[in-house]
Amino acid sequence: MKTLSVLGCFCLYVASGHLIDAQETSPATHDNSSISPDKQWTYKCIEYGAGSCAPEIVKSDTTQVVLDLDKELDVNGPESGEARIIWAPDSKRFGFNYSPPHAHHTTYKTVAFYQLEADKWVGLSSPEEELVKLAKGLLPKKGHENNDELIPDIVKVSSWTDAITAILFSAWHPWQYDRESNRLEAAFLLTLKFKDNGDWKMVKKHRMSKSEIEKFDSEQ
């Protein structure tokens, strides 16, 4: 399994920020904050410990939290500050690139999609099941024993080409002795098309060559 149960708990505290008055301070925010194209929503990751932050969506220019991504997806710990929101150009959907809890010394990065429905952000289905199916016929059978081991090590939205089309990068590290290396065994650029109800379909698959992978990594 790539994910592990999170043991214990984090003690929440307010990090020092800019002075508002003699009694109040503002919590520090990671510099990966992002405002939706229509300026209505803001992604923030509020620091609560060294290298850790709590990701959330707020109504812009307010403190109203409309989506607690830590609570929804268990996004916390040292890698929480690396999470990123990729907004669709009409601000009705976004892809959240993040790293869930996983085994030490391994890489596990994935994406969660959300869609705006009547001022509420609703989670959409994960692409991982389709990616496991894709991997079954392409990766060495002797290197995996179950579907969990076919889950990609890296999945992320790289861009939206329009309001309903997302470009997804998916990659697997080698299955043999160097699973902890940064080398990729296989990688794909996948095109997802979204319907009004939030369902999506994979309409294009492109297996990347070694040179394409290196070029893609250098541009990210």
N, C-alpha and C. Protein backbone atom coordinates (compact mmCIF):
# COMPACT_ATOMS: atom_id res chain seq x y z
N MET A 1 0.83 -1.19 0.00
CA MET A 1 0.00 0.00 0.00
C MET A 1 0.87 1.25 0.00
N LYS A 2 0.44 2.28 -0.73
CA LYS A 2 1.21 3.51 -0.74
C LYS A 2 0.86 4.39 0.46
N THR A 3 -0.40 4.42 0.88
CA THR A 3 -0.81 5.26 1.99
C THR A 3 -0.68 4.53 3.30
N LEU A 4 -0.40 5.29 4.36
CA LEU A 4 -0.27 4.74 5.69
C LEU A 4 -1.17 5.50 6.64
N SER A 5 -1.61 4.86 7.72
CA SER A 5 -2.39 5.56 8.71
C SER A 5 -1.52 6.59 9.41
N VAL A 6 -2.09 7.72 9.71
CA VAL A 6 -1.34 8.78 10.39
C VAL A 6 -1.51 8.59 11.88
N LEU A 7 -0.43 8.32 12.61
CA LEU A 7 -0.49 8.07 14.03
C LEU A 7 -0.26 9.36 14.80
N GLY A 8 -0.91 9.44 15.92
CA GLY A 8 -0.74 10.62 16.73
C GLY A 8 -1.49 11.79 16.16
N CYS A 9 -1.16 12.97 16.62
CA CYS A 9 -1.82 14.17 16.12
C CYS A 9 -0.85 15.33 16.14
N PHE A 10 -1.18 16.35 15.41
CA PHE A 10 -0.38 17.55 15.38
C PHE A 10 -1.00 18.57 16.34
N CYS A 11 -0.17 19.23 17.10
CA CYS A 11 -0.67 20.30 17.97
C CYS A 11 -0.79 21.56 17.14
N LEU A 12 -2.00 22.09 17.09
CA LEU A 12 -2.28 23.25 16.25
C LEU A 12 -1.91 24.51 17.00
N TYR A 13 -1.16 25.34 16.35
CA TYR A 13 -0.90 26.64 16.95
C TYR A 13 -0.81 27.67 15.85
N VAL A 14 -1.01 28.91 16.22
CA VAL A 14 -1.02 29.99 15.26
C VAL A 14 0.39 30.53 15.10
N ALA A 15 0.90 30.50 13.86
CA ALA A 15 2.24 31.00 13.61
C ALA A 15 2.24 32.52 13.63
N SER A 16 3.37 33.09 14.00
CA SER A 16 3.47 34.55 14.06
C SER A 16 3.36 35.14 12.68
N GLY A 17 2.66 36.24 12.56
CA GLY A 17 2.48 36.89 11.27
C GLY A 17 2.64 38.39 11.40
N HIS A 18 1.98 39.13 10.51
CA HIS A 18 2.10 40.58 10.54
C HIS A 18 1.26 41.15 11.68
N LEU A 19 1.74 42.15 12.33
CA LEU A 19 1.05 42.75 13.45
C LEU A 19 -0.17 43.51 12.96
N ILE A 20 -1.36 43.17 13.51
CA ILE A 20 -2.57 43.90 13.18
C ILE A 20 -2.83 44.96 14.25
N ASP A 21 -2.80 44.54 15.50
CA ASP A 21 -2.85 45.52 16.59
C ASP A 21 -2.13 44.89 17.77
N ALA A 22 -2.24 45.48 18.92
CA ALA A 22 -1.48 45.01 20.06
C ALA A 22 -1.93 43.64 20.53
N GLN A 23 -3.15 43.22 20.14
CA GLN A 23 -3.68 41.97 20.64
C GLN A 23 -3.73 40.86 19.59
N GLU A 24 -3.73 41.20 18.28
CA GLU A 24 -3.98 40.22 17.25
C GLU A 24 -2.77 40.05 16.33
N THR A 25 -2.61 38.82 15.83
CA THR A 25 -1.62 38.56 14.79
C THR A 25 -2.28 37.77 13.69
N SER A 26 -1.69 37.79 12.51
CA SER A 26 -2.23 37.05 11.37
C SER A 26 -1.34 35.85 11.10
N PRO A 27 -1.92 34.63 10.97
CA PRO A 27 -1.10 33.44 10.74
C PRO A 27 -0.35 33.51 9.42
N ALA A 28 0.84 32.95 9.41
CA ALA A 28 1.67 32.96 8.20
C ALA A 28 1.07 32.03 7.16
N THR A 29 1.19 32.44 5.90
CA THR A 29 0.65 31.65 4.79
C THR A 29 1.78 31.29 3.84
N HIS A 30 1.81 30.04 3.38
CA HIS A 30 2.81 29.62 2.41
C HIS A 30 2.63 30.42 1.12
N ASP A 31 3.73 30.61 0.38
CA ASP A 31 3.68 31.44 -0.81
C ASP A 31 3.06 30.73 -2.01
N ASN A 32 2.43 29.56 -1.79
CA ASN A 32 1.74 28.89 -2.88
C ASN A 32 0.26 29.25 -2.92
N SER A 33 -0.13 30.32 -2.22
CA SER A 33 -1.52 30.77 -2.27
C SER A 33 -1.88 31.13 -3.70
N SER A 34 -3.17 30.96 -4.03
CA SER A 34 -3.60 31.13 -5.41
C SER A 34 -5.03 31.64 -5.45
N ILE A 35 -5.29 32.63 -6.30
CA ILE A 35 -6.62 33.19 -6.45
C ILE A 35 -7.22 32.67 -7.76
N SER A 36 -8.49 32.29 -7.71
CA SER A 36 -9.17 31.79 -8.90
C SER A 36 -9.24 32.87 -9.97
N PRO A 37 -9.33 32.48 -11.24
CA PRO A 37 -9.36 33.47 -12.32
C PRO A 37 -10.47 34.51 -12.18
N ASP A 38 -11.61 34.12 -11.59
CA ASP A 38 -12.70 35.09 -11.41
C ASP A 38 -12.58 35.89 -10.11
N LYS A 39 -11.50 35.65 -9.36
CA LYS A 39 -11.18 36.38 -8.12
C LYS A 39 -12.14 36.08 -6.96
N GLN A 40 -12.99 35.07 -7.10
CA GLN A 40 -13.98 34.79 -6.06
C GLN A 40 -13.46 33.86 -4.97
N TRP A 41 -12.41 33.09 -5.27
CA TRP A 41 -11.93 32.07 -4.34
C TRP A 41 -10.42 32.18 -4.18
N THR A 42 -9.95 31.89 -2.98
CA THR A 42 -8.51 31.95 -2.71
C THR A 42 -8.06 30.67 -2.01
N TYR A 43 -7.00 30.08 -2.55
CA TYR A 43 -6.38 28.93 -1.90
C TYR A 43 -5.27 29.43 -0.98
N LYS A 44 -5.28 28.93 0.26
CA LYS A 44 -4.25 29.29 1.23
C LYS A 44 -3.77 28.03 1.95
N CYS A 45 -2.55 28.08 2.43
CA CYS A 45 -2.03 27.01 3.27
C CYS A 45 -1.43 27.66 4.51
N ILE A 46 -2.17 27.60 5.62
CA ILE A 46 -1.82 28.32 6.84
C ILE A 46 -0.85 27.50 7.69
N GLU A 47 0.29 28.09 7.99
CA GLU A 47 1.31 27.38 8.76
C GLU A 47 0.85 27.12 10.20
N TYR A 48 1.12 25.89 10.67
CA TYR A 48 0.86 25.57 12.07
C TYR A 48 2.04 24.86 12.72
N GLY A 49 3.11 24.70 11.99
CA GLY A 49 4.31 24.06 12.52
C GLY A 49 5.42 24.18 11.51
N ALA A 50 6.63 23.82 11.91
CA ALA A 50 7.77 23.93 11.02
C ALA A 50 7.57 23.09 9.77
N GLY A 51 7.44 23.75 8.62
CA GLY A 51 7.30 23.07 7.36
C GLY A 51 5.93 22.49 7.09
N SER A 52 4.96 22.71 7.97
CA SER A 52 3.62 22.15 7.79
C SER A 52 2.59 23.26 7.70
N CYS A 53 1.54 23.02 6.92
CA CYS A 53 0.48 24.01 6.81
C CYS A 53 -0.85 23.32 6.51
N ALA A 54 -1.94 24.04 6.76
CA ALA A 54 -3.29 23.50 6.57
C ALA A 54 -3.89 24.13 5.31
N PRO A 55 -4.10 23.33 4.24
CA PRO A 55 -4.62 23.88 2.99
C PRO A 55 -6.13 24.07 3.03
N GLU A 56 -6.59 25.18 2.48
CA GLU A 56 -8.02 25.47 2.48
C GLU A 56 -8.38 26.45 1.37
N ILE A 57 -9.65 26.42 1.00
CA ILE A 57 -10.21 27.40 0.07
C ILE A 57 -11.09 28.34 0.87
N VAL A 58 -10.89 29.64 0.70
CA VAL A 58 -11.72 30.62 1.37
C VAL A 58 -12.41 31.51 0.32
N LYS A 59 -13.51 32.09 0.72
CA LYS A 59 -14.14 33.11 -0.10
C LYS A 59 -13.22 34.32 -0.09
N SER A 60 -12.85 34.80 -1.27
CA SER A 60 -11.87 35.89 -1.36
C SER A 60 -12.30 37.11 -0.55
N ASP A 61 -11.31 37.75 0.07
CA ASP A 61 -11.51 38.94 0.90
C ASP A 61 -12.32 38.67 2.15
N THR A 62 -12.41 37.40 2.54
CA THR A 62 -13.07 37.05 3.79
C THR A 62 -12.21 35.99 4.49
N THR A 63 -12.65 35.60 5.68
CA THR A 63 -12.01 34.49 6.39
C THR A 63 -12.89 33.25 6.36
N GLN A 64 -13.93 33.26 5.52
CA GLN A 64 -14.87 32.15 5.43
C GLN A 64 -14.25 30.96 4.70
N VAL A 65 -13.99 29.87 5.44
CA VAL A 65 -13.44 28.67 4.84
C VAL A 65 -14.57 27.88 4.18
N VAL A 66 -14.46 27.67 2.88
CA VAL A 66 -15.50 26.94 2.15
C VAL A 66 -15.08 25.50 1.84
N LEU A 67 -13.80 25.20 1.96
CA LEU A 67 -13.32 23.83 1.73
C LEU A 67 -12.04 23.61 2.52
N ASP A 68 -12.10 22.69 3.47
CA ASP A 68 -10.94 22.33 4.28
C ASP A 68 -10.29 21.11 3.63
N LEU A 69 -9.23 21.33 2.87
CA LEU A 69 -8.60 20.25 2.11
C LEU A 69 -7.81 19.28 3.00
N ASP A 70 -7.34 19.75 4.14
CA ASP A 70 -6.69 18.85 5.08
C ASP A 70 -7.70 17.84 5.61
N LYS A 71 -8.87 18.32 6.01
CA LYS A 71 -9.92 17.43 6.52
C LYS A 71 -10.43 16.49 5.43
N GLU A 72 -10.57 17.00 4.21
CA GLU A 72 -11.10 16.20 3.11
C GLU A 72 -10.11 15.13 2.65
N LEU A 73 -8.83 15.48 2.59
CA LEU A 73 -7.85 14.62 1.92
C LEU A 73 -6.69 14.18 2.80
N ASP A 74 -6.69 14.61 4.06
CA ASP A 74 -5.60 14.26 4.97
C ASP A 74 -4.28 14.81 4.45
N VAL A 75 -4.27 16.12 4.19
CA VAL A 75 -3.08 16.80 3.67
C VAL A 75 -2.42 17.54 4.82
N ASN A 76 -1.33 17.02 5.32
CA ASN A 76 -0.63 17.67 6.42
C ASN A 76 0.81 17.19 6.44
N GLY A 77 1.58 17.69 7.37
CA GLY A 77 2.98 17.28 7.47
C GLY A 77 3.89 18.08 6.56
N PRO A 78 5.15 17.67 6.47
CA PRO A 78 6.17 18.46 5.76
C PRO A 78 5.88 18.72 4.29
N GLU A 79 5.12 17.82 3.63
CA GLU A 79 4.87 18.00 2.20
C GLU A 79 3.63 18.82 1.89
N SER A 80 2.91 19.24 2.93
CA SER A 80 1.69 20.01 2.70
C SER A 80 1.98 21.35 2.01
N GLY A 81 3.14 21.93 2.30
CA GLY A 81 3.49 23.21 1.69
C GLY A 81 3.79 23.13 0.21
N GLU A 82 3.97 21.90 -0.31
CA GLU A 82 4.25 21.72 -1.73
C GLU A 82 2.98 21.56 -2.57
N ALA A 83 1.83 21.44 -1.91
CA ALA A 83 0.57 21.24 -2.63
C ALA A 83 0.25 22.47 -3.48
N ARG A 84 -0.42 22.24 -4.61
CA ARG A 84 -0.75 23.33 -5.53
C ARG A 84 -2.16 23.15 -6.10
N ILE A 85 -2.83 24.29 -6.31
CA ILE A 85 -4.13 24.33 -6.98
C ILE A 85 -3.91 24.75 -8.44
N ILE A 86 -4.54 24.01 -9.35
CA ILE A 86 -4.53 24.40 -10.77
C ILE A 86 -5.99 24.68 -11.15
N TRP A 87 -6.32 25.96 -11.35
CA TRP A 87 -7.69 26.37 -11.61
C TRP A 87 -8.06 26.19 -13.08
N ALA A 88 -9.30 25.75 -13.33
CA ALA A 88 -9.84 25.82 -14.68
C ALA A 88 -10.07 27.30 -15.02
N PRO A 89 -9.99 27.67 -16.29
CA PRO A 89 -10.08 29.09 -16.64
C PRO A 89 -11.40 29.76 -16.30
N ASP A 90 -12.49 28.98 -16.16
CA ASP A 90 -13.77 29.59 -15.78
C ASP A 90 -14.02 29.56 -14.27
N SER A 91 -13.04 29.07 -13.51
CA SER A 91 -13.10 29.01 -12.04
C SER A 91 -14.16 28.06 -11.50
N LYS A 92 -14.68 27.16 -12.33
CA LYS A 92 -15.71 26.23 -11.89
C LYS A 92 -15.15 24.88 -11.46
N ARG A 93 -13.90 24.64 -11.76
CA ARG A 93 -13.24 23.39 -11.37
C ARG A 93 -11.78 23.70 -11.02
N PHE A 94 -11.18 22.78 -10.27
CA PHE A 94 -9.73 22.86 -10.07
C PHE A 94 -9.18 21.46 -9.82
N GLY A 95 -7.90 21.32 -10.10
CA GLY A 95 -7.16 20.12 -9.73
C GLY A 95 -6.24 20.48 -8.59
N PHE A 96 -6.22 19.66 -7.55
CA PHE A 96 -5.38 19.90 -6.38
C PHE A 96 -4.27 18.87 -6.37
N ASN A 97 -3.06 19.30 -6.68
CA ASN A 97 -1.89 18.42 -6.68
C ASN A 97 -1.31 18.37 -5.27
N TYR A 98 -1.27 17.18 -4.69
CA TYR A 98 -0.83 17.08 -3.29
C TYR A 98 -0.20 15.71 -3.04
N SER A 99 0.36 15.55 -1.85
CA SER A 99 1.00 14.30 -1.45
C SER A 99 0.31 13.76 -0.20
N PRO A 100 -0.44 12.65 -0.31
CA PRO A 100 -1.07 12.05 0.87
C PRO A 100 -0.03 11.38 1.76
N PRO A 101 -0.40 10.95 2.97
CA PRO A 101 0.52 10.18 3.80
C PRO A 101 1.00 8.93 3.06
N HIS A 102 2.29 8.65 3.14
CA HIS A 102 2.85 7.51 2.42
C HIS A 102 4.10 7.01 3.13
N ALA A 103 4.58 5.87 2.69
CA ALA A 103 5.75 5.26 3.32
C ALA A 103 6.97 6.17 3.22
N HIS A 104 7.75 6.17 4.27
CA HIS A 104 8.96 6.99 4.32
C HIS A 104 9.92 6.58 3.20
N HIS A 105 10.62 7.57 2.65
CA HIS A 105 11.60 7.35 1.58
C HIS A 105 10.96 6.88 0.27
N THR A 106 9.65 7.12 0.10
CA THR A 106 9.01 6.84 -1.17
C THR A 106 8.35 8.12 -1.68
N THR A 107 7.96 8.10 -2.94
CA THR A 107 7.27 9.24 -3.54
C THR A 107 5.83 8.85 -3.84
N TYR A 108 4.90 9.68 -3.42
CA TYR A 108 3.49 9.47 -3.77
C TYR A 108 2.81 10.83 -3.88
N LYS A 109 2.58 11.24 -5.12
CA LYS A 109 1.91 12.51 -5.38
C LYS A 109 0.70 12.24 -6.27
N THR A 110 -0.43 12.81 -5.91
CA THR A 110 -1.63 12.54 -6.67
C THR A 110 -2.46 13.82 -6.81
N VAL A 111 -3.65 13.69 -7.40
CA VAL A 111 -4.49 14.85 -7.66
C VAL A 111 -5.91 14.56 -7.22
N ALA A 112 -6.60 15.59 -6.75
CA ALA A 112 -8.02 15.52 -6.46
C ALA A 112 -8.71 16.62 -7.26
N PHE A 113 -9.82 16.27 -7.90
CA PHE A 113 -10.58 17.25 -8.67
C PHE A 113 -11.81 17.71 -7.88
N TYR A 114 -12.12 18.99 -8.01
CA TYR A 114 -13.31 19.56 -7.38
C TYR A 114 -14.06 20.41 -8.39
N GLN A 115 -15.39 20.46 -8.20
CA GLN A 115 -16.24 21.25 -9.07
C GLN A 115 -17.18 22.11 -8.22
N LEU A 116 -17.42 23.32 -8.66
CA LEU A 116 -18.29 24.25 -7.94
C LEU A 116 -19.75 23.97 -8.29
N GLU A 117 -20.54 23.71 -7.25
CA GLU A 117 -21.97 23.48 -7.42
C GLU A 117 -22.73 24.31 -6.40
N ALA A 118 -23.39 25.37 -6.89
CA ALA A 118 -24.18 26.26 -6.04
C ALA A 118 -23.36 26.77 -4.85
N ASP A 119 -22.19 27.34 -5.13
CA ASP A 119 -21.28 27.90 -4.13
C ASP A 119 -20.68 26.86 -3.19
N LYS A 120 -20.75 25.60 -3.56
CA LYS A 120 -20.13 24.55 -2.75
C LYS A 120 -19.17 23.75 -3.62
N TRP A 121 -17.96 23.52 -3.10
CA TRP A 121 -16.97 22.74 -3.84
C TRP A 121 -17.16 21.26 -3.53
N VAL A 122 -17.42 20.48 -4.59
CA VAL A 122 -17.73 19.06 -4.45
C VAL A 122 -16.62 18.22 -5.10
N GLY A 123 -16.14 17.21 -4.38
CA GLY A 123 -15.10 16.33 -4.90
C GLY A 123 -15.59 15.45 -6.03
N LEU A 124 -14.75 15.26 -7.05
CA LEU A 124 -15.08 14.41 -8.19
C LEU A 124 -14.30 13.10 -8.10
N SER A 125 -14.61 12.18 -8.98
CA SER A 125 -13.96 10.87 -8.93
C SER A 125 -12.47 10.97 -9.25
N SER A 126 -11.70 10.11 -8.59
CA SER A 126 -10.25 10.10 -8.78
C SER A 126 -9.89 9.39 -10.09
N PRO A 127 -8.82 9.82 -10.75
CA PRO A 127 -8.38 9.13 -11.97
C PRO A 127 -7.54 7.89 -11.70
N GLU A 128 -7.23 7.60 -10.44
CA GLU A 128 -6.28 6.52 -10.15
C GLU A 128 -6.75 5.15 -10.64
N GLU A 129 -8.05 4.86 -10.54
CA GLU A 129 -8.53 3.56 -10.98
C GLU A 129 -8.28 3.35 -12.48
N GLU A 130 -8.52 4.39 -13.27
CA GLU A 130 -8.26 4.30 -14.70
C GLU A 130 -6.77 4.18 -14.99
N LEU A 131 -5.96 4.83 -14.18
CA LEU A 131 -4.51 4.77 -14.38
C LEU A 131 -3.95 3.39 -14.02
N VAL A 132 -4.55 2.74 -13.04
CA VAL A 132 -4.15 1.37 -12.70
C VAL A 132 -4.45 0.45 -13.88
N LYS A 133 -5.62 0.62 -14.50
CA LYS A 133 -5.97 -0.18 -15.67
C LYS A 133 -4.97 0.06 -16.80
N LEU A 134 -4.59 1.32 -16.97
CA LEU A 134 -3.62 1.67 -18.01
C LEU A 134 -2.28 0.98 -17.74
N ALA A 135 -1.87 0.94 -16.48
CA ALA A 135 -0.57 0.37 -16.12
C ALA A 135 -0.52 -1.15 -16.27
N LYS A 136 -1.65 -1.81 -16.11
CA LYS A 136 -1.66 -3.27 -16.13
C LYS A 136 -1.05 -3.85 -17.41
N GLY A 137 -1.34 -3.23 -18.53
CA GLY A 137 -0.85 -3.78 -19.78
C GLY A 137 0.48 -3.20 -20.23
N LEU A 138 1.06 -2.31 -19.43
CA LEU A 138 2.25 -1.60 -19.88
C LEU A 138 3.47 -1.82 -19.00
N LEU A 139 3.26 -2.05 -17.71
CA LEU A 139 4.39 -2.18 -16.79
C LEU A 139 4.73 -3.65 -16.57
N PRO A 140 5.98 -3.95 -16.24
CA PRO A 140 6.41 -5.35 -16.08
C PRO A 140 5.59 -6.11 -15.05
N LYS A 141 4.99 -7.23 -15.44
CA LYS A 141 4.13 -7.99 -14.54
C LYS A 141 4.91 -8.53 -13.33
N LYS A 142 6.17 -8.88 -13.51
CA LYS A 142 6.94 -9.45 -12.40
C LYS A 142 7.26 -8.41 -11.33
N GLY A 143 7.03 -7.15 -11.63
CA GLY A 143 7.38 -6.11 -10.67
C GLY A 143 6.27 -5.74 -9.71
N HIS A 144 5.05 -6.30 -9.89
CA HIS A 144 3.95 -5.94 -9.00
C HIS A 144 3.10 -7.16 -8.71
N GLU A 145 2.47 -7.18 -7.54
CA GLU A 145 1.67 -8.32 -7.13
C GLU A 145 0.20 -7.98 -6.98
N ASN A 146 -0.15 -6.70 -6.88
CA ASN A 146 -1.55 -6.32 -6.71
C ASN A 146 -1.77 -4.93 -7.29
N ASN A 147 -3.04 -4.52 -7.33
CA ASN A 147 -3.38 -3.24 -7.93
C ASN A 147 -2.80 -2.05 -7.20
N ASP A 148 -2.62 -2.18 -5.87
CA ASP A 148 -2.05 -1.06 -5.11
C ASP A 148 -0.66 -0.69 -5.63
N GLU A 149 0.09 -1.69 -6.06
CA GLU A 149 1.44 -1.43 -6.55
C GLU A 149 1.43 -0.84 -7.95
N LEU A 150 0.25 -0.83 -8.59
CA LEU A 150 0.13 -0.23 -9.92
C LEU A 150 -0.31 1.23 -9.86
N ILE A 151 -0.65 1.70 -8.66
CA ILE A 151 -1.02 3.11 -8.52
C ILE A 151 0.20 3.96 -8.88
N PRO A 152 0.04 4.97 -9.72
CA PRO A 152 1.19 5.80 -10.12
C PRO A 152 1.87 6.46 -8.92
N ASP A 153 3.18 6.63 -9.02
CA ASP A 153 3.91 7.36 -7.99
C ASP A 153 3.66 8.86 -8.08
N ILE A 154 3.41 9.35 -9.30
CA ILE A 154 3.17 10.77 -9.51
C ILE A 154 1.98 10.95 -10.44
N VAL A 155 0.98 11.70 -9.99
CA VAL A 155 -0.13 12.14 -10.83
C VAL A 155 -0.35 13.61 -10.53
N LYS A 156 -0.40 14.43 -11.57
CA LYS A 156 -0.66 15.84 -11.33
C LYS A 156 -1.26 16.50 -12.57
N VAL A 157 -2.11 17.49 -12.31
CA VAL A 157 -2.63 18.31 -13.40
C VAL A 157 -1.54 19.30 -13.78
N SER A 158 -1.18 19.32 -15.05
CA SER A 158 -0.17 20.29 -15.49
C SER A 158 -0.82 21.56 -16.00
N SER A 159 -2.05 21.45 -16.56
CA SER A 159 -2.72 22.64 -17.09
C SER A 159 -4.16 22.31 -17.46
N TRP A 160 -4.94 23.36 -17.70
CA TRP A 160 -6.26 23.26 -18.32
C TRP A 160 -6.16 23.96 -19.67
N THR A 161 -6.56 23.28 -20.73
CA THR A 161 -6.53 23.93 -22.05
C THR A 161 -7.79 24.73 -22.29
N ASP A 162 -8.86 24.38 -21.59
CA ASP A 162 -10.08 25.18 -21.59
C ASP A 162 -10.86 24.79 -20.34
N ALA A 163 -12.09 25.28 -20.19
CA ALA A 163 -12.85 25.08 -18.96
C ALA A 163 -13.19 23.63 -18.68
N ILE A 164 -13.18 22.76 -19.69
CA ILE A 164 -13.58 21.37 -19.50
C ILE A 164 -12.48 20.37 -19.82
N THR A 165 -11.27 20.85 -20.11
CA THR A 165 -10.20 19.95 -20.55
C THR A 165 -8.95 20.13 -19.69
N ALA A 166 -8.57 19.04 -19.01
CA ALA A 166 -7.37 19.07 -18.15
C ALA A 166 -6.31 18.13 -18.72
N ILE A 167 -5.06 18.56 -18.64
CA ILE A 167 -3.92 17.73 -19.06
C ILE A 167 -3.29 17.15 -17.80
N LEU A 168 -3.23 15.82 -17.77
CA LEU A 168 -2.77 15.11 -16.59
C LEU A 168 -1.44 14.43 -16.89
N PHE A 169 -0.49 14.58 -15.97
CA PHE A 169 0.80 13.87 -16.06
C PHE A 169 0.75 12.72 -15.06
N SER A 170 1.10 11.52 -15.53
CA SER A 170 1.09 10.34 -14.67
C SER A 170 2.38 9.56 -14.91
N ALA A 171 3.04 9.14 -13.81
CA ALA A 171 4.33 8.48 -13.96
C ALA A 171 4.55 7.42 -12.90
N TRP A 172 5.35 6.42 -13.26
CA TRP A 172 5.71 5.32 -12.36
C TRP A 172 7.23 5.24 -12.27
N HIS A 173 7.75 5.04 -11.06
CA HIS A 173 9.17 4.76 -10.88
C HIS A 173 9.43 3.29 -11.21
N PRO A 174 10.69 2.91 -11.38
CA PRO A 174 11.02 1.51 -11.70
C PRO A 174 10.47 0.55 -10.66
N TRP A 175 10.15 -0.66 -11.11
CA TRP A 175 9.58 -1.66 -10.20
C TRP A 175 10.65 -2.52 -9.52
N GLN A 176 11.87 -2.40 -9.98
CA GLN A 176 12.90 -3.28 -9.44
C GLN A 176 13.61 -2.65 -8.23
N TYR A 177 14.90 -2.76 -8.15
CA TYR A 177 15.61 -2.46 -6.91
C TYR A 177 15.74 -0.98 -6.59
N ASP A 178 15.53 -0.11 -7.56
CA ASP A 178 15.74 1.32 -7.31
C ASP A 178 14.43 2.07 -7.26
N ARG A 179 13.42 1.54 -6.53
CA ARG A 179 12.13 2.20 -6.43
C ARG A 179 12.23 3.57 -5.78
N GLU A 180 13.28 3.82 -5.02
CA GLU A 180 13.40 5.10 -4.34
C GLU A 180 14.12 6.13 -5.20
N SER A 181 14.53 5.75 -6.39
CA SER A 181 15.24 6.70 -7.25
C SER A 181 14.25 7.66 -7.88
N ASN A 182 14.78 8.72 -8.51
CA ASN A 182 13.94 9.68 -9.20
C ASN A 182 13.69 9.30 -10.65
N ARG A 183 14.33 8.22 -11.11
CA ARG A 183 14.14 7.80 -12.49
C ARG A 183 12.73 7.26 -12.69
N LEU A 184 12.15 7.56 -13.87
CA LEU A 184 10.79 7.12 -14.16
C LEU A 184 10.80 5.96 -15.15
N GLU A 185 10.03 4.93 -14.84
CA GLU A 185 9.91 3.76 -15.71
C GLU A 185 8.99 4.05 -16.89
N ALA A 186 7.90 4.77 -16.61
CA ALA A 186 6.93 5.09 -17.65
C ALA A 186 6.19 6.36 -17.26
N ALA A 187 5.78 7.13 -18.25
CA ALA A 187 5.04 8.37 -17.99
C ALA A 187 4.10 8.65 -19.16
N PHE A 188 2.98 9.26 -18.84
CA PHE A 188 1.97 9.57 -19.83
C PHE A 188 1.48 11.00 -19.66
N LEU A 189 1.12 11.61 -20.76
CA LEU A 189 0.30 12.82 -20.75
C LEU A 189 -1.09 12.39 -21.19
N LEU A 190 -2.08 12.68 -20.34
CA LEU A 190 -3.44 12.23 -20.56
C LEU A 190 -4.38 13.43 -20.64
N THR A 191 -5.33 13.38 -21.53
CA THR A 191 -6.30 14.47 -21.68
C THR A 191 -7.64 14.02 -21.11
N LEU A 192 -8.16 14.77 -20.13
CA LEU A 192 -9.45 14.48 -19.52
C LEU A 192 -10.46 15.53 -19.96
N LYS A 193 -11.66 15.08 -20.33
CA LYS A 193 -12.76 15.97 -20.67
C LYS A 193 -13.85 15.83 -19.60
N PHE A 194 -14.31 16.97 -19.09
CA PHE A 194 -15.31 16.98 -18.02
C PHE A 194 -16.70 17.34 -18.56
N LYS A 195 -17.71 16.67 -18.00
CA LYS A 195 -19.09 17.00 -18.32
C LYS A 195 -19.64 17.96 -17.27
N ASP A 196 -20.83 18.50 -17.54
CA ASP A 196 -21.44 19.45 -16.61
C ASP A 196 -21.68 18.83 -15.23
N ASN A 197 -21.95 17.53 -15.17
CA ASN A 197 -22.22 16.88 -13.88
C ASN A 197 -20.95 16.48 -13.13
N GLY A 198 -19.79 16.78 -13.70
CA GLY A 198 -18.52 16.46 -13.04
C GLY A 198 -17.88 15.17 -13.48
N ASP A 199 -18.63 14.33 -14.20
CA ASP A 199 -18.01 13.12 -14.75
C ASP A 199 -16.96 13.51 -15.79
N TRP A 200 -15.93 12.68 -15.89
CA TRP A 200 -14.89 12.97 -16.87
C TRP A 200 -14.57 11.71 -17.67
N LYS A 201 -13.95 11.93 -18.81
CA LYS A 201 -13.56 10.83 -19.69
C LYS A 201 -12.14 11.08 -20.18
N MET A 202 -11.33 10.01 -20.19
CA MET A 202 -9.98 10.11 -20.72
C MET A 202 -10.06 9.99 -22.25
N VAL A 203 -9.79 11.08 -22.96
CA VAL A 203 -10.01 11.09 -24.41
C VAL A 203 -8.72 10.96 -25.21
N LYS A 204 -7.57 11.10 -24.54
CA LYS A 204 -6.30 11.00 -25.26
C LYS A 204 -5.23 10.50 -24.32
N LYS A 205 -4.38 9.57 -24.80
CA LYS A 205 -3.26 9.05 -24.02
C LYS A 205 -2.00 9.15 -24.87
N HIS A 206 -0.96 9.67 -24.28
CA HIS A 206 0.32 9.75 -24.98
C HIS A 206 1.42 9.25 -24.07
N ARG A 207 2.06 8.13 -24.44
CA ARG A 207 3.20 7.65 -23.66
C ARG A 207 4.42 8.48 -24.01
N MET A 208 5.07 9.00 -23.01
CA MET A 208 6.17 9.93 -23.21
C MET A 208 7.49 9.18 -23.38
N SER A 209 8.32 9.69 -24.26
CA SER A 209 9.67 9.15 -24.41
C SER A 209 10.55 9.69 -23.28
N LYS A 210 11.74 9.12 -23.15
CA LYS A 210 12.66 9.57 -22.12
C LYS A 210 12.98 11.05 -22.28
N SER A 211 13.20 11.51 -23.49
CA SER A 211 13.53 12.91 -23.73
C SER A 211 12.34 13.82 -23.41
N GLU A 212 11.13 13.34 -23.70
CA GLU A 212 9.93 14.12 -23.38
C GLU A 212 9.74 14.25 -21.87
N ILE A 213 10.01 13.17 -21.15
CA ILE A 213 9.91 13.21 -19.69
C ILE A 213 10.89 14.23 -19.11
N GLU A 214 12.13 14.19 -19.59
CA GLU A 214 13.15 15.12 -19.10
C GLU A 214 12.77 16.56 -19.41
N LYS A 215 12.25 16.79 -20.60
CA LYS A 215 11.84 18.14 -20.99
C LYS A 215 10.67 18.62 -20.14
N PHE A 216 9.70 17.73 -19.90
CA PHE A 216 8.54 18.07 -19.09
C PHE A 216 8.97 18.44 -17.67
N ASP A 217 9.85 17.62 -17.08
CA ASP A 217 10.33 17.88 -15.72
C ASP A 217 11.04 19.21 -15.62
N SER A 218 11.83 19.54 -16.64
CA SER A 218 12.61 20.79 -16.60
C SER A 218 11.72 22.03 -16.72
N GLU A 219 10.53 21.86 -17.29
CA GLU A 219 9.62 22.98 -17.50
C GLU A 219 8.64 23.18 -16.34
N GLN A 220 8.60 22.20 -15.42
CA GLN A 220 7.64 22.29 -14.32
C GLN A 220 8.18 23.15 -13.18
